[in-house]
């Protein structure tokens, strides 16, 4: 029982790191497309793609968080934008609702499905939208 609690707590700590620190930079074309591309790369563990979608210090934080997820032996699947809720007039912020499923690769613990609102702060660099930071728009909610 304590191992399950420890694993569950660890996953939520890493979620916090990922949500507050992740990013990547070349995703490109549209403000509503970059969150979708970022989560698709994260679900695949494609750190290089994540790097291409971020800018500045956020790139370092995104890579660090992705590496921590690998070290914890946690698999992330089904990370995707469920709905784009709002795009600011200047297109520098995008609010999305995303869903994810997290499970331990070690077989301990149990899978969790989560949903949460997040706010992507974007910057246009060389005609590409890049992620400067991701802010938590609402606390994670278990949907399972």
N, C-alpha and C. Protein backbone atom coordinates (compact mmCIF):
# COMPACT_ATOMS: atom_id res chain seq x y z
N UNK A 1 0.80 -1.21 0.00
CA UNK A 1 0.00 0.00 0.00
C UNK A 1 0.85 1.27 0.00
N UNK A 2 1.89 1.41 0.86
CA UNK A 2 2.69 2.63 0.84
C UNK A 2 3.37 2.85 -0.51
N UNK A 3 3.73 1.77 -1.22
CA UNK A 3 4.37 1.92 -2.52
C UNK A 3 3.41 2.56 -3.51
N UNK A 4 2.14 2.18 -3.46
CA UNK A 4 1.14 2.78 -4.36
C UNK A 4 0.97 4.27 -4.06
N UNK A 5 0.96 4.60 -2.78
CA UNK A 5 0.83 6.00 -2.40
C UNK A 5 2.04 6.78 -2.88
N UNK A 6 3.24 6.21 -2.70
CA UNK A 6 4.47 6.87 -3.12
C UNK A 6 4.47 7.08 -4.63
N UNK A 7 4.08 6.05 -5.39
CA UNK A 7 4.05 6.15 -6.84
C UNK A 7 3.04 7.21 -7.27
N UNK A 8 1.86 7.17 -6.68
CA UNK A 8 0.83 8.16 -7.02
C UNK A 8 1.30 9.57 -6.72
N UNK A 9 1.92 9.78 -5.57
CA UNK A 9 2.42 11.10 -5.21
C UNK A 9 3.52 11.55 -6.16
N UNK A 10 4.39 10.62 -6.52
CA UNK A 10 5.48 10.95 -7.44
C UNK A 10 4.95 11.38 -8.79
N UNK A 11 3.94 10.67 -9.27
CA UNK A 11 3.35 11.01 -10.56
C UNK A 11 2.79 12.43 -10.52
N UNK A 12 2.08 12.78 -9.46
CA UNK A 12 1.50 14.12 -9.38
C UNK A 12 2.56 15.19 -9.22
N UNK A 13 3.66 14.89 -8.54
CA UNK A 13 4.77 15.85 -8.44
C UNK A 13 5.35 16.09 -9.83
N UNK A 14 5.57 15.01 -10.57
CA UNK A 14 6.12 15.16 -11.91
C UNK A 14 5.13 15.88 -12.81
N UNK A 15 3.81 15.58 -12.67
CA UNK A 15 2.80 16.33 -13.43
C UNK A 15 2.99 17.82 -13.19
N UNK A 16 3.18 18.19 -11.93
CA UNK A 16 3.37 19.60 -11.61
C UNK A 16 4.58 20.18 -12.32
N UNK A 17 5.69 19.43 -12.32
CA UNK A 17 6.89 19.89 -13.01
C UNK A 17 6.65 20.02 -14.50
N UNK A 18 6.02 19.02 -15.08
CA UNK A 18 5.77 19.05 -16.51
C UNK A 18 4.86 20.22 -16.86
N UNK A 19 3.79 20.40 -16.11
CA UNK A 19 2.82 21.42 -16.44
C UNK A 19 3.38 22.82 -16.24
N UNK A 20 4.19 22.99 -15.23
CA UNK A 20 4.70 24.32 -14.96
C UNK A 20 5.96 24.62 -15.77
N UNK A 21 6.65 23.57 -16.23
CA UNK A 21 7.96 23.81 -16.83
C UNK A 21 8.12 23.37 -18.26
N UNK A 22 7.22 22.63 -18.83
CA UNK A 22 7.47 22.05 -20.14
C UNK A 22 7.34 23.02 -21.28
N UNK A 23 7.99 22.71 -22.38
CA UNK A 23 7.86 23.49 -23.59
C UNK A 23 8.67 22.93 -24.73
N UNK A 24 8.51 23.39 -25.97
CA UNK A 24 9.22 22.95 -27.16
C UNK A 24 9.10 23.99 -28.25
N UNK A 25 9.87 24.10 -29.41
CA UNK A 25 9.78 25.22 -30.35
C UNK A 25 9.64 25.01 -31.80
N UNK A 26 9.17 24.43 -32.68
CA UNK A 26 9.01 24.66 -34.10
C UNK A 26 7.64 24.36 -34.54
N UNK A 27 6.70 24.10 -33.68
CA UNK A 27 5.41 23.58 -34.01
C UNK A 27 4.57 24.41 -34.93
N UNK A 28 4.88 25.59 -35.09
CA UNK A 28 4.58 26.37 -36.14
C UNK A 28 3.42 27.14 -36.55
N UNK A 29 2.52 26.57 -37.26
CA UNK A 29 1.56 27.31 -38.04
C UNK A 29 0.54 28.11 -37.28
N UNK A 30 -0.07 27.58 -36.26
CA UNK A 30 -1.18 28.29 -35.62
C UNK A 30 -1.11 28.18 -34.11
N UNK A 31 -1.64 29.20 -33.42
CA UNK A 31 -1.64 29.15 -31.96
C UNK A 31 -2.41 27.96 -31.39
N UNK A 32 -3.47 27.53 -32.05
CA UNK A 32 -4.20 26.37 -31.52
C UNK A 32 -3.55 25.05 -31.92
N UNK A 33 -2.66 25.08 -32.91
CA UNK A 33 -1.98 23.86 -33.34
C UNK A 33 -0.80 23.48 -32.47
N UNK A 34 -0.12 24.47 -31.90
CA UNK A 34 1.09 24.18 -31.12
C UNK A 34 0.80 23.36 -29.87
N UNK A 35 -0.29 23.61 -29.11
CA UNK A 35 -0.55 22.73 -27.96
C UNK A 35 -0.80 21.28 -28.39
N UNK A 36 -1.53 21.11 -29.50
CA UNK A 36 -1.79 19.75 -29.99
C UNK A 36 -0.49 19.05 -30.38
N UNK A 37 0.37 19.77 -31.10
CA UNK A 37 1.65 19.19 -31.52
C UNK A 37 2.55 18.89 -30.32
N UNK A 38 2.53 19.78 -29.32
CA UNK A 38 3.37 19.58 -28.14
C UNK A 38 2.95 18.32 -27.37
N UNK A 39 1.63 18.18 -27.15
CA UNK A 39 1.17 17.00 -26.43
C UNK A 39 1.39 15.72 -27.22
N UNK A 40 1.27 15.79 -28.53
CA UNK A 40 1.54 14.60 -29.35
C UNK A 40 3.01 14.18 -29.20
N UNK A 41 3.92 15.15 -29.21
CA UNK A 41 5.34 14.85 -29.02
C UNK A 41 5.61 14.31 -27.63
N UNK A 42 4.95 14.90 -26.62
CA UNK A 42 5.15 14.44 -25.25
C UNK A 42 4.65 13.00 -25.08
N UNK A 43 3.51 12.69 -25.67
CA UNK A 43 2.96 11.33 -25.57
C UNK A 43 3.90 10.30 -26.19
N UNK A 44 4.61 10.70 -27.23
CA UNK A 44 5.56 9.79 -27.89
C UNK A 44 6.93 9.80 -27.23
N UNK A 45 7.16 10.73 -26.30
CA UNK A 45 8.47 10.86 -25.68
C UNK A 45 9.48 11.47 -26.63
N UNK A 46 9.01 12.24 -27.60
CA UNK A 46 9.87 12.84 -28.63
C UNK A 46 10.41 14.18 -28.12
N UNK A 47 11.51 14.10 -27.36
CA UNK A 47 12.10 15.28 -26.74
C UNK A 47 12.60 16.26 -27.79
N UNK A 48 13.14 15.77 -28.90
CA UNK A 48 13.65 16.66 -29.94
C UNK A 48 12.51 17.51 -30.53
N UNK A 49 11.37 16.90 -30.76
CA UNK A 49 10.21 17.66 -31.26
C UNK A 49 9.75 18.68 -30.22
N UNK A 50 9.78 18.28 -28.94
CA UNK A 50 9.39 19.21 -27.87
C UNK A 50 10.31 20.42 -27.86
N UNK A 51 11.61 20.19 -28.04
CA UNK A 51 12.58 21.28 -28.07
C UNK A 51 12.25 22.27 -29.18
N UNK A 52 11.82 21.75 -30.33
CA UNK A 52 11.52 22.61 -31.47
C UNK A 52 10.28 23.45 -31.27
N UNK A 53 9.49 23.14 -30.26
CA UNK A 53 8.26 23.88 -30.01
C UNK A 53 8.38 24.88 -28.87
N UNK A 54 9.57 25.01 -28.29
CA UNK A 54 9.73 25.89 -27.12
C UNK A 54 10.79 26.95 -27.40
N UNK A 55 10.84 27.91 -26.53
CA UNK A 55 11.83 28.97 -26.65
C UNK A 55 12.38 29.31 -25.26
N UNK A 56 13.60 29.82 -25.25
CA UNK A 56 14.22 30.30 -24.02
C UNK A 56 14.44 29.21 -22.99
N UNK A 57 14.35 29.61 -21.72
CA UNK A 57 14.57 28.69 -20.61
C UNK A 57 13.54 27.59 -20.52
N UNK A 58 12.42 27.77 -21.16
CA UNK A 58 11.38 26.76 -21.12
C UNK A 58 11.82 25.48 -21.82
N UNK A 59 12.66 25.60 -22.85
CA UNK A 59 13.18 24.42 -23.54
C UNK A 59 13.95 23.54 -22.56
N UNK A 60 14.81 24.13 -21.77
CA UNK A 60 15.59 23.39 -20.77
C UNK A 60 14.67 22.70 -19.78
N UNK A 61 13.66 23.40 -19.30
CA UNK A 61 12.73 22.83 -18.33
C UNK A 61 11.92 21.68 -18.93
N UNK A 62 11.52 21.81 -20.19
CA UNK A 62 10.76 20.76 -20.84
C UNK A 62 11.57 19.48 -20.94
N UNK A 63 12.82 19.62 -21.35
CA UNK A 63 13.71 18.45 -21.49
C UNK A 63 13.95 17.82 -20.11
N UNK A 64 14.19 18.65 -19.12
CA UNK A 64 14.42 18.15 -17.76
C UNK A 64 13.21 17.36 -17.26
N UNK A 65 12.02 17.90 -17.46
CA UNK A 65 10.80 17.21 -17.01
C UNK A 65 10.59 15.90 -17.76
N UNK A 66 10.85 15.89 -19.07
CA UNK A 66 10.70 14.67 -19.86
C UNK A 66 11.68 13.59 -19.38
N UNK A 67 12.90 14.00 -19.05
CA UNK A 67 13.89 13.04 -18.54
C UNK A 67 13.48 12.50 -17.17
N UNK A 68 12.91 13.34 -16.33
CA UNK A 68 12.44 12.88 -15.03
C UNK A 68 11.33 11.85 -15.18
N UNK A 69 10.46 12.06 -16.16
CA UNK A 69 9.39 11.10 -16.40
C UNK A 69 9.97 9.74 -16.79
N UNK A 70 11.00 9.75 -17.63
CA UNK A 70 11.64 8.49 -18.05
C UNK A 70 12.29 7.79 -16.86
N UNK A 71 12.97 8.55 -16.01
CA UNK A 71 13.63 7.98 -14.84
C UNK A 71 12.64 7.35 -13.88
N UNK A 72 11.45 7.92 -13.80
CA UNK A 72 10.44 7.39 -12.88
C UNK A 72 9.74 6.16 -13.46
N UNK A 73 10.07 5.84 -14.69
CA UNK A 73 9.45 4.69 -15.35
C UNK A 73 7.93 4.85 -15.41
N UNK A 74 7.52 6.04 -15.82
CA UNK A 74 6.11 6.33 -15.98
C UNK A 74 5.82 6.48 -17.46
N UNK A 75 4.80 5.80 -17.93
CA UNK A 75 4.39 5.89 -19.32
C UNK A 75 3.25 6.89 -19.43
N UNK A 76 3.36 7.76 -20.40
CA UNK A 76 2.30 8.72 -20.64
C UNK A 76 1.68 8.39 -21.99
N UNK A 77 0.41 8.11 -21.99
CA UNK A 77 -0.26 7.85 -23.26
C UNK A 77 -1.52 8.70 -23.32
N UNK A 78 -2.06 8.81 -24.49
CA UNK A 78 -3.32 9.53 -24.68
C UNK A 78 -3.27 10.97 -24.19
N UNK A 79 -2.10 11.61 -24.27
CA UNK A 79 -2.03 13.03 -23.94
C UNK A 79 -2.46 13.79 -25.16
N UNK A 80 -3.55 14.51 -25.06
CA UNK A 80 -4.00 15.27 -26.21
C UNK A 80 -4.91 16.41 -25.78
N UNK A 81 -4.98 17.38 -26.65
CA UNK A 81 -5.89 18.50 -26.43
C UNK A 81 -7.30 18.01 -26.75
N UNK A 82 -8.16 18.12 -25.78
CA UNK A 82 -9.56 17.74 -25.99
C UNK A 82 -10.32 18.89 -26.64
N UNK A 83 -9.99 20.10 -26.20
CA UNK A 83 -10.73 21.27 -26.69
C UNK A 83 -9.88 22.52 -26.54
N UNK A 84 -9.86 23.37 -27.56
CA UNK A 84 -9.27 24.69 -27.45
C UNK A 84 -10.39 25.58 -26.92
N UNK A 85 -10.19 26.12 -25.71
CA UNK A 85 -11.26 26.88 -25.05
C UNK A 85 -11.22 28.37 -25.37
N UNK A 86 -10.02 28.90 -25.57
CA UNK A 86 -9.93 30.34 -25.79
C UNK A 86 -8.57 30.68 -26.38
N UNK A 87 -8.56 31.62 -27.31
CA UNK A 87 -7.33 32.18 -27.86
C UNK A 87 -7.43 33.69 -27.68
N UNK A 88 -6.40 34.30 -27.09
CA UNK A 88 -6.44 35.75 -26.87
C UNK A 88 -6.41 36.49 -28.21
N UNK A 89 -6.86 37.73 -28.19
CA UNK A 89 -6.92 38.53 -29.42
C UNK A 89 -5.54 38.67 -30.07
N UNK A 90 -4.48 38.78 -29.26
CA UNK A 90 -3.13 38.90 -29.82
C UNK A 90 -2.49 37.55 -30.12
N UNK A 91 -3.23 36.48 -29.85
CA UNK A 91 -2.80 35.10 -30.11
C UNK A 91 -1.59 34.68 -29.28
N UNK A 92 -1.32 35.38 -28.21
CA UNK A 92 -0.16 35.04 -27.37
C UNK A 92 -0.51 34.11 -26.23
N UNK A 93 -1.79 33.87 -25.99
CA UNK A 93 -2.18 32.87 -25.00
C UNK A 93 -3.30 32.01 -25.57
N UNK A 94 -3.19 30.72 -25.28
CA UNK A 94 -4.19 29.75 -25.73
C UNK A 94 -4.57 28.92 -24.51
N UNK A 95 -5.86 28.85 -24.21
CA UNK A 95 -6.34 28.03 -23.09
C UNK A 95 -6.92 26.75 -23.68
N UNK A 96 -6.43 25.62 -23.20
CA UNK A 96 -6.89 24.32 -23.71
C UNK A 96 -7.30 23.42 -22.56
N UNK A 97 -8.17 22.47 -22.86
CA UNK A 97 -8.45 21.38 -21.93
C UNK A 97 -7.76 20.16 -22.52
N UNK A 98 -6.93 19.53 -21.72
CA UNK A 98 -6.26 18.34 -22.22
C UNK A 98 -6.65 17.15 -21.35
N UNK A 99 -6.48 15.98 -21.92
CA UNK A 99 -6.70 14.73 -21.19
C UNK A 99 -5.44 13.89 -21.31
N UNK A 100 -5.19 13.07 -20.30
CA UNK A 100 -4.02 12.22 -20.31
C UNK A 100 -4.29 10.94 -19.54
N UNK A 101 -3.49 9.95 -19.82
CA UNK A 101 -3.52 8.70 -19.07
C UNK A 101 -2.08 8.42 -18.64
N UNK A 102 -1.89 8.16 -17.37
CA UNK A 102 -0.56 7.90 -16.82
C UNK A 102 -0.57 6.54 -16.16
N UNK A 103 0.46 5.76 -16.45
CA UNK A 103 0.57 4.46 -15.79
C UNK A 103 2.03 4.11 -15.55
N UNK A 104 2.27 3.32 -14.53
CA UNK A 104 3.61 2.90 -14.16
C UNK A 104 4.10 1.82 -15.12
N UNK A 105 5.34 1.96 -15.57
CA UNK A 105 5.95 0.92 -16.41
C UNK A 105 6.37 -0.28 -15.58
N UNK A 106 6.46 -0.10 -14.27
CA UNK A 106 6.92 -1.17 -13.38
C UNK A 106 5.80 -2.14 -13.01
N UNK A 107 4.55 -1.80 -13.35
CA UNK A 107 3.44 -2.66 -13.00
C UNK A 107 2.85 -2.35 -11.63
N UNK A 108 3.49 -1.47 -10.88
CA UNK A 108 2.94 -1.06 -9.58
C UNK A 108 2.00 0.11 -9.78
N UNK A 109 1.06 0.23 -8.90
CA UNK A 109 0.10 1.32 -9.00
C UNK A 109 -0.97 1.00 -10.02
N UNK A 110 -1.72 1.98 -10.41
CA UNK A 110 -2.80 1.77 -11.36
C UNK A 110 -2.88 2.97 -12.30
N UNK A 111 -3.38 2.75 -13.51
CA UNK A 111 -3.47 3.86 -14.47
C UNK A 111 -4.45 4.93 -13.99
N UNK A 112 -4.15 6.16 -14.36
CA UNK A 112 -5.01 7.29 -14.02
C UNK A 112 -5.33 8.06 -15.29
N UNK A 113 -6.58 8.40 -15.47
CA UNK A 113 -6.96 9.31 -16.53
C UNK A 113 -7.24 10.65 -15.88
N UNK A 114 -6.68 11.70 -16.47
CA UNK A 114 -6.79 13.03 -15.89
C UNK A 114 -7.23 14.02 -16.96
N UNK A 115 -7.85 15.11 -16.51
CA UNK A 115 -8.09 16.23 -17.41
C UNK A 115 -7.77 17.51 -16.65
N UNK A 116 -7.38 18.53 -17.40
CA UNK A 116 -6.98 19.79 -16.78
C UNK A 116 -7.00 20.88 -17.84
N UNK A 117 -7.25 22.11 -17.42
CA UNK A 117 -7.09 23.27 -18.30
C UNK A 117 -5.67 23.78 -18.13
N UNK A 118 -5.07 24.17 -19.25
CA UNK A 118 -3.75 24.78 -19.21
C UNK A 118 -3.72 25.98 -20.13
N UNK A 119 -2.85 26.92 -19.80
CA UNK A 119 -2.70 28.12 -20.60
C UNK A 119 -1.30 28.11 -21.20
N UNK A 120 -1.24 28.07 -22.51
CA UNK A 120 0.03 28.13 -23.23
C UNK A 120 0.33 29.60 -23.52
N UNK A 121 1.51 30.06 -23.11
CA UNK A 121 1.96 31.40 -23.42
C UNK A 121 2.91 31.28 -24.61
N UNK A 122 2.56 31.95 -25.69
CA UNK A 122 3.27 31.78 -26.95
C UNK A 122 4.03 33.04 -27.36
N UNK A 123 5.02 32.83 -28.21
CA UNK A 123 5.81 33.93 -28.77
C UNK A 123 6.09 33.57 -30.22
N UNK A 124 5.94 34.54 -31.11
CA UNK A 124 6.22 34.28 -32.53
C UNK A 124 7.68 34.62 -32.80
N UNK A 125 8.43 33.62 -33.27
CA UNK A 125 9.84 33.78 -33.58
C UNK A 125 10.05 33.25 -35.00
N UNK A 126 10.59 34.09 -35.86
CA UNK A 126 10.82 33.69 -37.26
C UNK A 126 9.58 33.07 -37.89
N UNK A 127 8.44 33.71 -37.69
CA UNK A 127 7.15 33.26 -38.24
C UNK A 127 6.67 31.92 -37.71
N UNK A 128 7.19 31.48 -36.57
CA UNK A 128 6.72 30.24 -35.94
C UNK A 128 6.26 30.56 -34.53
N UNK A 129 5.14 29.95 -34.13
CA UNK A 129 4.67 30.10 -32.76
C UNK A 129 5.43 29.11 -31.88
N UNK A 130 6.04 29.61 -30.80
CA UNK A 130 6.79 28.79 -29.85
C UNK A 130 6.20 28.97 -28.45
N UNK A 131 6.39 27.97 -27.62
CA UNK A 131 5.86 28.00 -26.26
C UNK A 131 6.89 28.63 -25.34
N UNK A 132 6.49 29.70 -24.64
CA UNK A 132 7.36 30.34 -23.65
C UNK A 132 7.17 29.72 -22.28
N UNK A 133 5.93 29.33 -21.98
CA UNK A 133 5.64 28.64 -20.73
C UNK A 133 4.23 28.07 -20.80
N UNK A 134 3.97 27.14 -19.90
CA UNK A 134 2.64 26.59 -19.75
C UNK A 134 2.22 26.81 -18.31
N UNK A 135 1.06 27.40 -18.13
CA UNK A 135 0.54 27.66 -16.79
C UNK A 135 -0.67 26.77 -16.53
N UNK A 136 -0.85 26.40 -15.30
CA UNK A 136 -2.00 25.59 -14.91
C UNK A 136 -3.22 26.49 -14.87
N UNK A 137 -4.25 26.12 -15.63
CA UNK A 137 -5.50 26.89 -15.65
C UNK A 137 -6.52 26.35 -14.67
N UNK A 138 -6.34 25.09 -14.28
CA UNK A 138 -7.23 24.47 -13.28
C UNK A 138 -6.50 23.27 -12.70
N UNK A 139 -6.85 22.84 -11.51
CA UNK A 139 -6.20 21.66 -10.94
C UNK A 139 -6.57 20.41 -11.74
N UNK A 140 -5.67 19.39 -11.76
CA UNK A 140 -6.00 18.16 -12.46
C UNK A 140 -7.20 17.47 -11.81
N UNK A 141 -8.05 16.88 -12.63
CA UNK A 141 -9.23 16.17 -12.15
C UNK A 141 -9.17 14.74 -12.68
N UNK A 142 -9.29 13.77 -11.79
CA UNK A 142 -9.31 12.38 -12.21
C UNK A 142 -10.64 12.08 -12.88
N UNK A 143 -10.57 11.43 -14.05
CA UNK A 143 -11.79 11.08 -14.76
C UNK A 143 -12.02 9.58 -14.76
N UNK A 144 -11.30 8.89 -13.93
CA UNK A 144 -11.46 7.43 -13.84
C UNK A 144 -11.58 7.01 -12.41
